[in-house]
Amino acid sequence: MKVRACLVVAAMIALALFLSRTIHPRHPSALETTAAPVQPASIDFNAAREVSPPLGAIPSNPVPMEPPRTAATNWLERLLAGDGEETRLPRAFIDRWLASGRTNAEDLLAARQAGGGIEFLHMALTNFPNDPRVLFAAIALEDGPEAKRQRLDRFKAAAPDNGLVDYLSARDHFKNGRSEEGLADLMSANSKKGFDDYGLDAVQNAEDLYLQSGKGPAEAKALATSSALLPQLAQMKGLAQDIASLQRQYLDAGDPASAERLGQMGVQLGYQLSGAAGARSLISDLVGIAVERIVLNPLDADRSYDFLQETPRERMAQLTARRTAAKEDVQFINQWARGASDATLISYFDRVKIYGESKAMEWIRQRQPADLGP
């Protein structure tokens, strides 16, 4: 396989997700259907934490014309089409690797990520029922509302400072008609600084597995990044829809103040996905943009809100500009990858893990065209 094509997988999958509203099953769709209506409940919003300053538009740079397609690009197109075979390791190798003593939680999750099957997640749940990384991965399971609720409660106890857990719990409550509990979780999430999707651990552990299989360093890093599972994004999109539904009900009931505070907390959720230190991928950034648009839509488009420091219409324009910039980033990274050396690719993927995809792309832009090789 030509590893240079791997670099664009995360960005291309992000664009496919946002434009086509579908994605390969290994990357659960963040664009699920509208949530069931929830009922308003009285709640004290005074405890809600103020939202961080809104993000500015991402600057865009001119993108060179793309060269003719190569075999590597055809491999990428096959991945985006849905077969995912390029990221899958042979089951026989995974079984031998685990039989050599690899039986801890991170190894079982890495085996699942590299194509080993859902049974490795079930094994991890059995052996490590209170590991937050395992409980996070298990949010993708559809085995009944009671089982999901029990895991979310264990997840809360295992990671009390992680606001993402409360967001996931809120989504579950809203989805099952428990609006008061959902609002309480939403406020709890809004009061926490932590927001950890355990993505850094997952990518590093999968990279180690790909290296053990005989892949070179650049290829292993590319495969680990492109095979990352993102079960939280569909949940966060659904939660934004829940918030918007509740906002409209408050507005219909003559309570615009509660609708505004819900909008504030929804914008905070979008910021966590796209602008906070924990946001590492272009996919997450795009879903964060979608979340903000959903929760701003019920508000008065031409009224200036304190938590925005501008009108929703002005903020929507910024979000549109960021979405356009994301498309340009996809084109840019696709062009750059074709000429980058393996050493530069390794540096890029290391920066993605440490700083996030947007910062890594900024680093590329600063070094271009010096790093474009034959």
Protein backbone atom coordinates (compact mmCIF):
# COMPACT_ATOMS: atom_id res chain seq x y z
CA MET A 1 0.00 0.00 0.00
CA LYS A 2 1.23 3.54 -0.68
CA VAL A 3 1.15 5.17 2.70
CA ARG A 4 0.97 8.73 1.44
CA ALA A 5 -2.68 8.30 0.58
CA CYS A 6 -3.46 7.37 4.18
CA LEU A 7 -2.82 10.90 5.37
CA VAL A 8 -5.95 12.27 3.81
CA VAL A 9 -8.28 9.61 5.20
CA ALA A 10 -9.42 11.50 8.29
CA ALA A 11 -10.04 14.71 6.37
CA MET A 12 -11.76 13.01 3.44
CA ILE A 13 -13.97 10.95 5.73
CA ALA A 14 -14.90 14.17 7.52
CA LEU A 15 -15.98 15.80 4.29
CA ALA A 16 -17.91 12.72 3.20
CA LEU A 17 -19.64 12.68 6.58
CA PHE A 18 -20.70 16.28 6.40
CA LEU A 19 -21.72 16.46 2.75
CA SER A 20 -23.31 13.07 2.10
CA ARG A 21 -24.80 12.58 5.62
CA THR A 22 -23.47 8.99 5.60
CA ILE A 23 -20.23 7.36 6.68
CA HIS A 24 -18.63 3.94 6.87
CA PRO A 25 -20.01 1.89 9.81
CA ARG A 26 -16.59 1.99 11.48
CA HIS A 27 -17.15 5.74 11.84
CA PRO A 28 -20.74 5.98 13.16
CA SER A 29 -22.70 8.74 11.47
CA ALA A 30 -22.89 12.03 13.32
CA LEU A 31 -25.91 13.02 11.22
CA GLU A 32 -28.63 10.82 12.65
CA THR A 33 -32.33 11.46 12.41
CA THR A 34 -34.21 14.04 14.47
CA ALA A 35 -34.62 13.09 18.10
CA ALA A 36 -37.98 12.39 19.71
CA PRO A 37 -39.53 15.48 21.37
CA VAL A 38 -38.71 16.06 25.02
CA GLN A 39 -40.92 17.79 27.54
CA PRO A 40 -39.90 21.08 29.22
CA ALA A 41 -39.01 20.90 32.87
CA SER A 42 -38.44 23.69 35.37
CA ILE A 43 -34.78 24.03 36.25
CA ASP A 44 -32.46 26.63 37.75
CA PHE A 45 -30.03 27.72 35.07
CA ASN A 46 -28.00 29.95 37.39
CA ALA A 47 -25.41 27.22 37.91
CA ALA A 48 -24.59 27.03 34.20
CA ARG A 49 -20.99 27.93 33.40
CA GLU A 50 -20.34 30.79 31.00
CA VAL A 51 -19.45 29.81 27.48
CA SER A 52 -15.90 30.34 26.29
CA PRO A 53 -15.42 33.13 23.71
CA PRO A 54 -16.73 32.18 20.26
CA LEU A 55 -14.26 30.91 17.71
CA GLY A 56 -13.22 32.99 14.75
CA ALA A 57 -13.28 31.81 11.18
CA ILE A 58 -10.45 29.48 10.14
CA PRO A 59 -8.27 31.28 7.56
CA SER A 60 -8.04 29.52 4.23
CA ASN A 61 -5.19 29.42 1.74
CA PRO A 62 -5.28 28.94 -2.03
CA VAL A 63 -5.15 25.27 -2.98
CA PRO A 64 -3.15 24.08 -5.98
CA MET A 65 -4.79 22.08 -8.73
CA GLU A 66 -4.81 18.32 -8.10
CA PRO A 67 -2.56 16.07 -10.22
CA PRO A 68 -3.92 12.99 -12.01
CA ARG A 69 -5.23 10.24 -9.79
CA THR A 70 -2.89 7.49 -8.67
CA ALA A 71 -3.30 3.95 -7.41
CA ALA A 72 -3.06 5.31 -3.88
CA THR A 73 -6.01 7.59 -4.54
CA ASN A 74 -8.00 4.61 -5.82
CA TRP A 75 -7.26 2.85 -2.50
CA LEU A 76 -8.62 5.91 -0.68
CA GLU A 77 -11.75 5.91 -2.79
CA ARG A 78 -12.33 2.24 -1.90
CA LEU A 79 -12.05 3.09 1.78
CA LEU A 80 -14.52 5.95 1.46
CA ALA A 81 -16.85 3.69 -0.50
CA GLY A 82 -17.15 1.54 2.59
CA ASP A 83 -15.09 -1.65 2.39
CA GLY A 84 -12.49 -0.56 4.97
CA GLU A 85 -10.20 -3.44 4.04
CA GLU A 86 -7.04 -1.32 4.02
CA THR A 87 -7.27 -0.79 7.79
CA ARG A 88 -8.12 -4.41 8.67
CA LEU A 89 -5.48 -6.80 9.91
CA PRO A 90 -5.90 -10.55 9.33
CA ARG A 91 -7.86 -12.16 12.11
CA ALA A 92 -5.25 -14.90 12.41
CA PHE A 93 -2.59 -12.31 13.21
CA ILE A 94 -4.79 -10.59 15.80
CA ASP A 95 -5.52 -13.93 17.49
CA ARG A 96 -1.81 -14.79 17.65
CA TRP A 97 -0.99 -11.33 18.97
CA LEU A 98 -3.55 -11.58 21.77
CA ALA A 99 -2.47 -15.16 22.56
CA SER A 100 1.05 -13.87 23.23
CA GLY A 101 -0.24 -12.22 26.42
CA ARG A 102 -1.98 -9.13 25.08
CA THR A 103 -5.08 -9.28 27.24
CA ASN A 104 -5.36 -5.82 28.82
CA ALA A 105 -8.09 -3.29 27.98
CA GLU A 106 -6.10 -1.19 25.52
CA ASP A 107 -4.98 -4.24 23.52
CA LEU A 108 -8.51 -5.61 23.24
CA LEU A 109 -9.78 -2.23 22.06
CA ALA A 110 -6.92 -1.94 19.57
CA ALA A 111 -7.79 -5.39 18.21
CA ARG A 112 -11.36 -4.27 17.68
CA GLN A 113 -10.25 -1.04 15.98
CA ALA A 114 -7.96 -2.91 13.60
CA GLY A 115 -10.82 -5.08 12.36
CA GLY A 116 -10.94 -7.87 14.93
CA GLY A 117 -14.68 -7.67 15.54
CA ILE A 118 -17.19 -6.57 18.17
CA GLU A 119 -16.44 -9.63 20.29
CA PHE A 120 -13.25 -7.93 21.47
CA LEU A 121 -15.32 -5.08 22.88
CA HIS A 122 -17.54 -7.57 24.69
CA MET A 123 -14.43 -9.29 26.05
CA ALA A 124 -13.09 -5.95 27.28
CA LEU A 125 -16.41 -5.19 28.99
CA THR A 126 -16.36 -8.55 30.73
CA ASN A 127 -12.77 -8.29 31.91
CA PHE A 128 -12.64 -4.53 32.59
CA PRO A 129 -16.23 -3.43 33.35
CA ASN A 130 -15.22 -0.15 35.02
CA ASP A 131 -12.44 1.00 32.68
CA PRO A 132 -13.54 4.41 31.27
CA ARG A 133 -11.94 3.70 27.88
CA VAL A 134 -13.92 0.49 27.57
CA LEU A 135 -17.15 2.12 28.74
CA PHE A 136 -16.62 4.91 26.23
CA ALA A 137 -16.15 2.43 23.39
CA ALA A 138 -19.29 0.60 24.52
CA ILE A 139 -21.57 3.56 23.78
CA ALA A 140 -21.73 2.15 20.24
CA LEU A 141 -23.47 -1.01 21.48
CA GLU A 142 -27.21 -1.36 20.88
CA ASP A 143 -28.20 -3.97 23.45
CA GLY A 144 -31.19 -2.36 25.11
CA PRO A 145 -31.90 0.80 27.14
CA GLU A 146 -31.32 -0.79 30.54
CA ALA A 147 -27.87 -2.13 29.66
CA LYS A 148 -26.88 1.22 28.14
CA ARG A 149 -28.09 3.10 31.21
CA GLN A 150 -26.16 0.83 33.56
CA ARG A 151 -22.95 1.35 31.58
CA LEU A 152 -23.42 5.12 31.51
CA ASP A 153 -23.87 5.17 35.29
CA ARG A 154 -20.66 3.15 35.70
CA PHE A 155 -18.96 5.50 33.24
CA LYS A 156 -19.98 8.49 35.37
CA ALA A 157 -18.49 6.88 38.46
CA ALA A 158 -15.29 5.91 36.63
CA ALA A 159 -14.69 9.36 35.08
CA PRO A 160 -16.32 11.97 37.34
CA ASP A 161 -14.38 14.90 35.86
CA ASN A 162 -15.07 14.09 32.22
CA GLY A 163 -17.85 16.31 30.88
CA LEU A 164 -18.27 14.10 27.82
CA VAL A 165 -19.77 11.40 30.07
CA ASP A 166 -22.48 13.80 31.26
CA TYR A 167 -23.27 14.83 27.68
CA LEU A 168 -23.65 11.17 26.73
CA SER A 169 -25.84 10.56 29.76
CA ALA A 170 -27.98 13.59 28.91
CA ARG A 171 -28.51 12.25 25.40
CA ASP A 172 -29.65 8.90 26.80
CA HIS A 173 -32.09 10.58 29.21
CA PHE A 174 -33.58 12.84 26.54
CA LYS A 175 -33.86 9.96 24.08
CA ASN A 176 -35.87 7.98 26.64
CA GLY A 177 -38.18 10.82 27.69
CA ARG A 178 -36.43 11.74 30.97
CA SER A 179 -36.09 15.48 30.35
CA GLU A 180 -35.43 16.57 33.95
CA GLU A 181 -32.53 14.12 34.29
CA GLY A 182 -31.26 15.17 30.87
CA LEU A 183 -31.24 18.85 31.85
CA ALA A 184 -29.41 18.04 35.08
CA ASP A 185 -26.72 16.13 33.16
CA LEU A 186 -26.44 18.93 30.61
CA MET A 187 -25.80 21.45 33.38
CA SER A 188 -23.29 19.12 35.01
CA ALA A 189 -21.39 18.75 31.73
CA ASN A 190 -21.40 22.51 31.25
CA SER A 191 -19.73 22.98 34.65
CA LYS A 192 -16.77 20.69 33.93
CA LYS A 193 -13.55 21.56 32.15
CA GLY A 194 -12.65 17.99 31.21
CA PHE A 195 -13.74 16.58 27.84
CA ASP A 196 -11.87 13.39 26.97
CA ASP A 197 -12.85 11.03 24.15
CA TYR A 198 -9.84 8.77 24.81
CA GLY A 199 -8.83 9.18 21.19
CA LEU A 200 -5.14 9.69 21.89
CA ASP A 201 -4.89 6.36 23.72
CA ALA A 202 -6.86 4.58 21.01
CA VAL A 203 -4.71 5.85 18.15
CA GLN A 204 -1.45 5.11 19.98
CA ASN A 205 -2.50 1.58 20.91
CA ALA A 206 -3.68 0.83 17.38
CA GLU A 207 -0.42 2.22 16.00
CA ASP A 208 1.52 -0.20 18.22
CA LEU A 209 -0.58 -3.07 16.89
CA TYR A 210 0.00 -2.09 13.25
CA LEU A 211 3.73 -1.85 13.93
CA GLN A 212 3.70 -5.33 15.43
CA SER A 213 2.03 -6.60 12.26
CA GLY A 214 5.02 -5.48 10.19
CA LYS A 215 3.82 -2.11 8.92
CA GLY A 216 6.36 0.68 8.60
CA PRO A 217 6.19 3.67 11.00
CA ALA A 218 4.48 6.07 8.60
CA GLU A 219 1.96 3.47 7.43
CA ALA A 220 1.19 2.35 10.99
CA LYS A 221 0.49 5.93 12.04
CA ALA A 222 -1.72 6.51 9.01
CA LEU A 223 -3.73 3.34 9.56
CA ALA A 224 -4.16 4.00 13.27
CA THR A 225 -5.51 7.47 12.54
CA SER A 226 -7.82 6.42 9.71
CA SER A 227 -9.28 3.47 11.63
CA ALA A 228 -10.18 5.50 14.72
CA LEU A 229 -13.72 4.84 15.97
CA LEU A 230 -15.82 7.90 16.81
CA PRO A 231 -19.03 6.68 18.48
CA GLN A 232 -19.58 9.92 20.39
CA LEU A 233 -20.24 12.13 17.36
CA ALA A 234 -23.64 10.67 16.53
CA GLN A 235 -24.62 11.06 20.18
CA MET A 236 -23.54 14.71 20.29
CA LYS A 237 -25.48 15.53 17.11
CA GLY A 238 -28.54 13.85 18.62
CA LEU A 239 -28.09 15.80 21.85
CA ALA A 240 -28.04 19.08 19.92
CA GLN A 241 -31.33 18.07 18.32
CA ASP A 242 -32.74 17.33 21.77
CA ILE A 243 -31.67 20.77 22.98
CA ALA A 244 -33.22 22.50 19.96
CA SER A 245 -36.50 20.62 20.48
CA LEU A 246 -36.62 21.72 24.10
CA GLN A 247 -35.71 25.31 23.15
CA ARG A 248 -38.72 25.49 20.83
CA GLN A 249 -41.00 24.16 23.53
CA TYR A 250 -39.78 26.80 25.97
CA LEU A 251 -40.33 29.49 23.33
CA ASP A 252 -43.86 28.20 22.67
CA ALA A 253 -44.48 28.35 26.43
CA GLY A 254 -43.36 31.99 26.58
CA ASP A 255 -40.03 31.34 28.29
CA PRO A 256 -37.33 32.77 25.98
CA ALA A 257 -34.82 33.07 28.85
CA SER A 258 -34.68 29.29 29.30
CA ALA A 259 -34.39 28.82 25.53
CA GLU A 260 -31.46 31.23 25.52
CA ARG A 261 -29.66 29.45 28.36
CA LEU A 262 -30.11 26.15 26.59
CA GLY A 263 -28.65 27.75 23.48
CA GLN A 264 -25.69 28.87 25.55
CA MET A 265 -25.06 25.36 26.79
CA GLY A 266 -25.47 23.97 23.28
CA VAL A 267 -22.87 26.39 21.96
CA GLN A 268 -20.56 25.22 24.73
CA LEU A 269 -21.04 21.65 23.51
CA GLY A 270 -20.16 22.73 19.97
CA TYR A 271 -17.06 24.48 21.28
CA GLN A 272 -15.95 21.35 23.09
CA LEU A 273 -16.19 19.40 19.84
CA SER A 274 -14.52 21.91 17.55
CA GLY A 275 -12.55 24.49 19.47
CA ALA A 276 -11.44 23.10 22.81
CA ALA A 277 -8.02 21.64 23.47
CA GLY A 278 -9.43 18.12 23.31
CA ALA A 279 -10.78 18.45 19.77
CA ARG A 280 -8.31 16.59 17.56
CA SER A 281 -10.02 15.82 14.26
CA LEU A 282 -11.60 17.62 11.35
CA ILE A 283 -14.62 15.34 11.73
CA SER A 284 -15.16 16.57 15.27
CA ASP A 285 -14.78 20.16 14.11
CA LEU A 286 -17.46 19.69 11.46
CA VAL A 287 -19.85 18.09 13.94
CA GLY A 288 -19.16 20.95 16.37
CA ILE A 289 -20.17 23.40 13.63
CA ALA A 290 -23.37 21.41 13.02
CA VAL A 291 -24.17 21.38 16.75
CA GLU A 292 -23.84 25.16 17.01
CA ARG A 293 -26.05 25.72 13.98
CA ILE A 294 -28.75 23.44 15.42
CA VAL A 295 -28.93 25.15 18.82
CA LEU A 296 -28.72 28.68 17.40
CA ASN A 297 -31.47 28.12 14.86
CA PRO A 298 -34.42 28.43 17.34
CA LEU A 299 -33.13 31.79 18.65
CA ASP A 300 -33.91 35.24 17.26
CA ALA A 301 -31.48 35.53 14.35
CA ASP A 302 -31.09 39.31 14.64
CA ARG A 303 -30.88 39.74 18.40
CA SER A 304 -27.45 40.17 19.98
CA TYR A 305 -26.96 37.65 22.80
CA ASP A 306 -24.45 38.21 25.58
CA PHE A 307 -23.11 34.65 25.43
CA LEU A 308 -22.39 35.07 21.71
CA GLN A 309 -21.34 38.73 21.77
CA GLU A 310 -23.07 38.95 18.38
CA THR A 311 -26.27 37.85 16.67
CA PRO A 312 -27.01 34.25 15.68
CA ARG A 313 -27.07 35.38 12.05
CA GLU A 314 -23.52 36.76 12.36
CA ARG A 315 -22.36 33.61 14.11
CA MET A 316 -23.96 31.44 11.42
CA ALA A 317 -21.96 33.31 8.79
CA GLN A 318 -18.75 32.50 10.68
CA LEU A 319 -19.74 28.85 10.91
CA THR A 320 -20.38 28.73 7.18
CA ALA A 321 -16.93 30.21 6.54
CA ARG A 322 -15.34 27.58 8.78
CA ARG A 323 -17.15 24.82 6.94
CA THR A 324 -15.88 26.17 3.62
CA ALA A 325 -12.36 26.34 5.04
CA ALA A 326 -12.65 22.69 6.09
CA LYS A 327 -13.38 21.72 2.48
CA GLU A 328 -10.30 23.61 1.36
CA ASP A 329 -8.25 21.84 4.03
CA VAL A 330 -9.33 18.50 2.56
CA GLN A 331 -8.13 19.54 -0.89
CA PHE A 332 -4.89 20.95 0.49
CA ILE A 333 -3.94 17.90 2.53
CA ASN A 334 -4.77 15.60 -0.37
CA GLN A 335 -2.38 17.50 -2.62
CA TRP A 336 0.36 17.79 -0.01
CA ALA A 337 0.33 14.08 0.91
CA ARG A 338 1.24 12.97 -2.60
CA GLY A 339 4.66 14.62 -2.41
CA ALA A 340 5.51 14.39 1.29
CA SER A 341 8.37 12.24 2.49
CA ASP A 342 7.81 9.44 5.00
CA ALA A 343 9.76 11.41 7.61
CA THR A 344 7.45 14.40 7.19
CA LEU A 345 4.38 12.16 7.32
CA ILE A 346 5.59 10.71 10.62
CA SER A 347 6.05 14.23 12.01
CA TYR A 348 2.59 15.17 10.79
CA PHE A 349 0.86 12.25 12.48
CA ASP A 350 2.76 12.84 15.71
CA ARG A 351 1.51 16.43 15.66
CA VAL A 352 -2.04 15.26 15.01
CA LYS A 353 -1.86 13.16 18.18
CA ILE A 354 -0.35 15.92 20.30
CA TYR A 355 -1.94 19.11 18.95
CA GLY A 356 -4.86 18.03 16.78
CA GLU A 357 -5.48 17.90 13.04
CA SER A 358 -5.97 21.65 12.51
CA LYS A 359 -2.69 22.55 14.18
CA ALA A 360 -0.89 19.83 12.25
CA MET A 361 -2.21 21.27 8.99
CA GLU A 362 -1.06 24.74 10.01
CA TRP A 363 2.41 23.26 10.49
CA ILE A 364 2.29 21.80 6.97
CA ARG A 365 1.24 25.13 5.46
CA GLN A 366 4.12 26.90 7.18
CA ARG A 367 6.66 24.42 5.76
CA GLN A 368 5.30 24.20 2.24
CA PRO A 369 6.69 24.01 -0.41
CA ALA A 370 9.98 22.92 1.17
CA ASP A 371 8.53 19.55 2.19
CA LEU A 372 7.01 18.73 -1.17
CA GLY A 373 9.33 16.12 -2.59
CA PRO A 374 9.30 13.91 -5.66
